[in-house]
Each structure stands twice: as structure tokens, then as C-alpha cells.
Amino acid sequence: MQGITYGYIRVSTQEQNEARQLAAMQAFGVAEENIVVEKISGKDFRRPRYQRLVKRLRLGDVLVIKSIDRLGRNYTEILEQWAAITKTRQADVVVLDMPLLDTRQGRDLTGTLIADIVLQLLSYVAQTERDNIRQRQAEGIAAARERGDLLGRERMKLPEGFYDLAEQWQQGGISSRSAARELGISHQTFLRRAKEYL
């Protein structure tokens, strides 16, 4: 039965470019109106556009993705989603970067076994890479803290006259709102920094 071929493209952030994945979909022959683009993390499958796409899949449809990590990065969830698409929805999946992961062919026992092994291996690699990125970030933050590097936004330089006004405020000579207005900073910033100083 000839179904519809859909393409699913995912990038993790708004700044990332989906052009490479889009070019691969078009080269495969996926019609532009059947390509779904989502700019969201692959840490789980709570992705509205992906969920709607899977609900649309029927027997004979094909879902095309560029690589397994575009589907997701959680080992168990990738395997569950694969089963939901191929067994529950009875649609096919094509992973462009891995020709062995093309359920349109090799539906015999050996073909299915090979596809399952490759899928499990690639899903494991995708999650391991995500875990490694997390660990490297944590190690980098810990090392930066140890060196005394400031993390996050650089602190605002205090305007001239801040310390005099902070002392006046502490002695009741000026209100915090008046002091903040005079310095050209927000009331909350004045209070926070004045309390640190005093």
C-alpha cells in the first residue's frame, strides 16, 4: 500500500540551522508540505509537532529522519517510539545517515534482527553522547568555580555615588526609591547591592 512520505527535522535551539536536514529531505523526495520542523531539545518526546506527526501516520506511510539523534537522545524512549511507529502505526522509518535503518526493506526475520541491533546500538550512542555533554558541562562549571571564575552574567558596575547614597539610606536620610532614582538603577538593584555593601 502506497502511503505518504513525511520528513521530521529537529534542531535543539532557535539559533541552530535546519538547512542541512532540509536539503537531505528534499534530496530524498519528501514534499515540502510533508516536512515537519521542530526547534526543541531532544531530551524527551514531549514535542507537540512530533506528537501530531506520529498520530497522523498510517499503514504504508514513511517517516524520514536525517539521523537517529534527530529523533531523540533517550535510549529507552527512542526504542519505544520506533516500536510505536513501526508496530502500532504500521508505518515505515528511514534514517538517511544509516541505510540499515530502513524498515521499507528487509522485513524478513534477518532484516528485522539487523535493524533492531543497529537501532539499539545507535540509540545507546545518542544517549551516551548526551550524558557525556552533560558531564563535561558539569566538570567545566566545577573547574571554573574552583578557579574563582565568575559564572553567569557579569555584575553591573555600580554608578558613581552609590556608596554615599547607600550610607544615607542606612541612616534614614534618604528613601531607597529616591536613591535608586538618583542613581538611575532599579529599586530592587539598589536594595540588593546596598544590603551586600552594608
Protein backbone atom coordinates (compact mmCIF):
# COMPACT_ATOMS: atom_id res chain seq x y z
CA MET A 1 0.00 0.00 0.00
CA GLN A 2 1.44 3.36 -1.09
CA GLY A 3 1.25 5.93 1.71
CA ILE A 4 2.54 9.44 2.37
CA THR A 5 6.22 10.16 2.98
CA TYR A 6 6.80 12.59 5.87
CA GLY A 7 10.02 14.20 6.98
CA TYR A 8 10.84 15.14 10.57
CA ILE A 9 13.53 17.75 11.23
CA ARG A 10 14.65 18.71 14.72
CA VAL A 11 17.18 21.26 15.93
CA SER A 12 17.77 21.88 19.63
CA THR A 13 17.64 25.70 19.67
CA GLN A 14 16.10 28.58 17.72
CA GLU A 15 19.61 29.65 16.63
CA GLN A 16 20.52 26.29 15.03
CA ASN A 17 20.03 25.95 11.29
CA GLU A 18 17.94 23.15 9.84
CA ALA A 19 19.19 23.71 6.24
CA ARG A 20 21.32 20.53 6.12
CA GLN A 21 18.44 18.33 7.25
CA LEU A 22 16.03 20.12 4.90
CA ALA A 23 18.34 19.57 1.91
CA ALA A 24 18.58 15.85 2.78
CA MET A 25 14.76 15.55 2.96
CA GLN A 26 14.32 17.28 -0.40
CA ALA A 27 17.02 15.09 -1.99
CA PHE A 28 15.13 12.02 -0.73
CA GLY A 29 11.96 13.36 -2.35
CA VAL A 30 9.87 14.41 0.66
CA ALA A 31 7.31 17.02 -0.42
CA GLU A 32 7.78 20.35 1.33
CA GLU A 33 4.24 20.32 2.77
CA ASN A 34 5.01 16.98 4.47
CA ILE A 35 8.15 18.18 6.27
CA VAL A 36 7.74 18.99 9.95
CA VAL A 37 10.40 21.22 11.55
CA GLU A 38 10.72 21.46 15.33
CA LYS A 39 13.15 23.64 17.29
CA ILE A 40 13.26 21.89 20.63
CA SER A 41 15.58 19.73 22.74
CA GLY A 42 15.78 16.01 22.01
CA LYS A 43 15.98 15.05 25.68
CA ASP A 44 12.46 13.58 25.58
CA PHE A 45 9.47 13.17 23.28
CA ARG A 46 7.25 15.91 24.73
CA ARG A 47 7.33 17.69 21.40
CA PRO A 48 3.97 18.92 20.07
CA ARG A 49 4.80 18.83 16.35
CA TYR A 50 6.38 15.39 16.58
CA GLN A 51 3.39 14.03 18.54
CA ARG A 52 0.94 15.39 15.95
CA LEU A 53 3.01 13.88 13.13
CA VAL A 54 3.09 10.40 14.72
CA LYS A 55 -0.70 10.49 15.25
CA ARG A 56 -1.07 11.19 11.52
CA LEU A 57 0.97 8.12 10.46
CA ARG A 58 -0.94 5.23 8.89
CA LEU A 59 -0.15 1.86 7.33
CA GLY A 60 2.10 2.41 4.31
CA ASP A 61 3.30 5.89 5.39
CA VAL A 62 7.03 6.57 5.71
CA LEU A 63 8.74 8.77 8.30
CA VAL A 64 12.15 10.08 7.17
CA ILE A 65 14.75 11.45 9.59
CA LYS A 66 18.34 12.53 8.88
CA SER A 67 19.95 10.67 11.80
CA ILE A 68 18.77 8.77 14.87
CA ASP A 69 19.71 11.61 17.25
CA ARG A 70 17.25 13.89 15.39
CA LEU A 71 14.53 11.53 16.61
CA GLY A 72 15.78 11.75 20.20
CA ARG A 73 18.60 11.19 22.66
CA ASN A 74 16.98 8.99 25.28
CA TYR A 75 17.82 5.32 24.64
CA THR A 76 14.65 3.77 26.08
CA GLU A 77 12.32 6.37 24.56
CA ILE A 78 13.85 6.02 21.07
CA LEU A 79 13.16 2.27 21.16
CA GLU A 80 9.59 2.89 22.39
CA GLN A 81 8.94 5.48 19.66
CA TRP A 82 10.39 3.20 16.99
CA ALA A 83 8.02 0.41 18.08
CA ALA A 84 5.06 2.83 18.20
CA ILE A 85 5.74 3.95 14.62
CA THR A 86 6.60 0.59 13.04
CA LYS A 87 4.39 -1.79 15.03
CA THR A 88 1.46 0.23 16.40
CA ARG A 89 1.09 2.69 13.50
CA GLN A 90 2.50 0.19 10.97
CA ALA A 91 4.39 2.94 9.17
CA ASP A 92 7.99 2.70 7.99
CA VAL A 93 11.03 4.64 9.17
CA VAL A 94 14.00 5.68 7.05
CA VAL A 95 17.15 7.02 8.74
CA LEU A 96 19.08 8.72 5.95
CA ASP A 97 22.52 8.55 7.60
CA MET A 98 22.13 4.82 8.33
CA PRO A 99 20.82 2.78 5.36
CA LEU A 100 20.45 -0.32 7.58
CA LEU A 101 17.69 1.55 9.40
CA ASP A 102 15.17 1.50 6.57
CA THR A 103 12.16 -0.60 7.54
CA ARG A 104 10.75 -0.49 3.99
CA GLN A 105 13.09 -3.32 3.06
CA GLY A 106 14.33 -6.45 4.79
CA ARG A 107 11.09 -7.26 6.56
CA ASP A 108 12.18 -10.87 6.92
CA LEU A 109 13.48 -12.12 10.28
CA THR A 110 17.16 -11.44 9.49
CA GLY A 111 16.47 -7.91 8.21
CA THR A 112 14.39 -7.10 11.28
CA LEU A 113 17.05 -8.52 13.62
CA ILE A 114 19.83 -6.46 11.99
CA ALA A 115 17.70 -3.28 12.09
CA ASP A 116 16.88 -3.87 15.77
CA ILE A 117 20.56 -4.38 16.70
CA VAL A 118 21.65 -1.27 14.77
CA LEU A 119 18.82 0.77 16.28
CA GLN A 120 19.72 -0.28 19.82
CA LEU A 121 23.39 0.50 19.23
CA LEU A 122 22.71 3.95 17.72
CA SER A 123 20.16 4.82 20.41
CA TYR A 124 22.72 3.87 23.04
CA VAL A 125 25.35 6.06 21.33
CA ALA A 126 22.90 9.02 21.14
CA GLN A 127 22.12 8.84 24.87
CA THR A 128 25.78 8.27 25.83
CA GLU A 129 26.77 11.38 23.86
CA ARG A 130 24.07 13.41 25.64
CA ASP A 131 25.24 12.12 29.04
CA ASN A 132 28.86 12.94 28.14
CA ILE A 133 27.91 16.51 27.14
CA ARG A 134 26.13 16.94 30.49
CA GLN A 135 29.13 15.56 32.39
CA ARG A 136 31.59 17.82 30.51
CA GLN A 137 29.40 20.85 31.28
CA ALA A 138 29.27 19.96 34.99
CA GLU A 139 33.05 19.41 35.09
CA GLY A 140 33.65 22.73 33.29
CA ILE A 141 31.42 24.61 35.76
CA ALA A 142 33.13 22.94 38.75
CA ALA A 143 36.60 23.79 37.36
CA ALA A 144 35.56 27.40 36.72
CA ARG A 145 34.25 27.73 40.29
CA GLU A 146 37.49 26.25 41.64
CA ARG A 147 39.50 28.84 39.68
CA GLY A 148 37.21 31.54 41.05
CA ASP A 149 35.82 32.43 37.62
CA LEU A 150 32.50 34.22 37.71
CA LEU A 151 29.69 32.26 36.11
CA GLY A 152 26.59 33.79 34.62
CA ARG A 153 26.11 37.44 33.78
CA GLU A 154 28.81 39.91 34.72
CA ARG A 155 27.74 42.03 37.67
CA MET A 156 26.63 45.55 36.92
CA LYS A 157 29.21 48.20 37.75
CA LEU A 158 27.81 50.42 40.48
CA PRO A 159 27.17 54.03 39.50
CA GLU A 160 29.24 56.84 40.97
CA GLY A 161 27.86 57.98 44.31
CA PHE A 162 26.32 54.59 45.14
CA TYR A 163 28.18 54.09 48.44
CA ASP A 164 27.34 57.59 49.73
CA LEU A 165 23.64 57.10 48.97
CA ALA A 166 23.68 53.59 50.46
CA GLU A 167 25.05 55.00 53.72
CA GLN A 168 22.49 57.81 53.69
CA TRP A 169 19.71 55.22 53.15
CA GLN A 170 21.00 53.09 56.05
CA GLN A 171 20.97 56.13 58.35
CA GLY A 172 17.44 57.05 57.24
CA GLY A 173 18.50 60.18 55.34
CA ILE A 174 17.01 59.08 52.01
CA SER A 175 14.46 56.52 50.82
CA SER A 176 15.66 53.54 48.79
CA ARG A 177 13.39 54.59 45.91
CA SER A 178 14.82 58.12 45.82
CA ALA A 179 18.38 56.78 45.97
CA ALA A 180 17.69 54.32 43.12
CA ARG A 181 16.09 57.10 41.02
CA GLU A 182 19.06 59.41 41.63
CA LEU A 183 21.50 56.65 40.59
CA GLY A 184 19.45 55.62 37.55
CA ILE A 185 19.10 51.99 38.66
CA SER A 186 16.12 49.87 39.67
CA HIS A 187 14.83 49.94 43.23
CA GLN A 188 15.48 46.16 43.60
CA THR A 189 19.09 46.51 42.37
CA PHE A 190 19.74 49.35 44.81
CA LEU A 191 18.35 47.36 47.77
CA ARG A 192 20.18 44.16 46.86
CA ARG A 193 23.56 45.81 46.34
CA ALA A 194 23.17 48.16 49.33
CA LYS A 195 22.48 45.18 51.62
CA GLU A 196 25.59 43.40 50.25
CA TYR A 197 27.68 46.50 50.86
CA LEU A 198 26.41 47.21 54.36
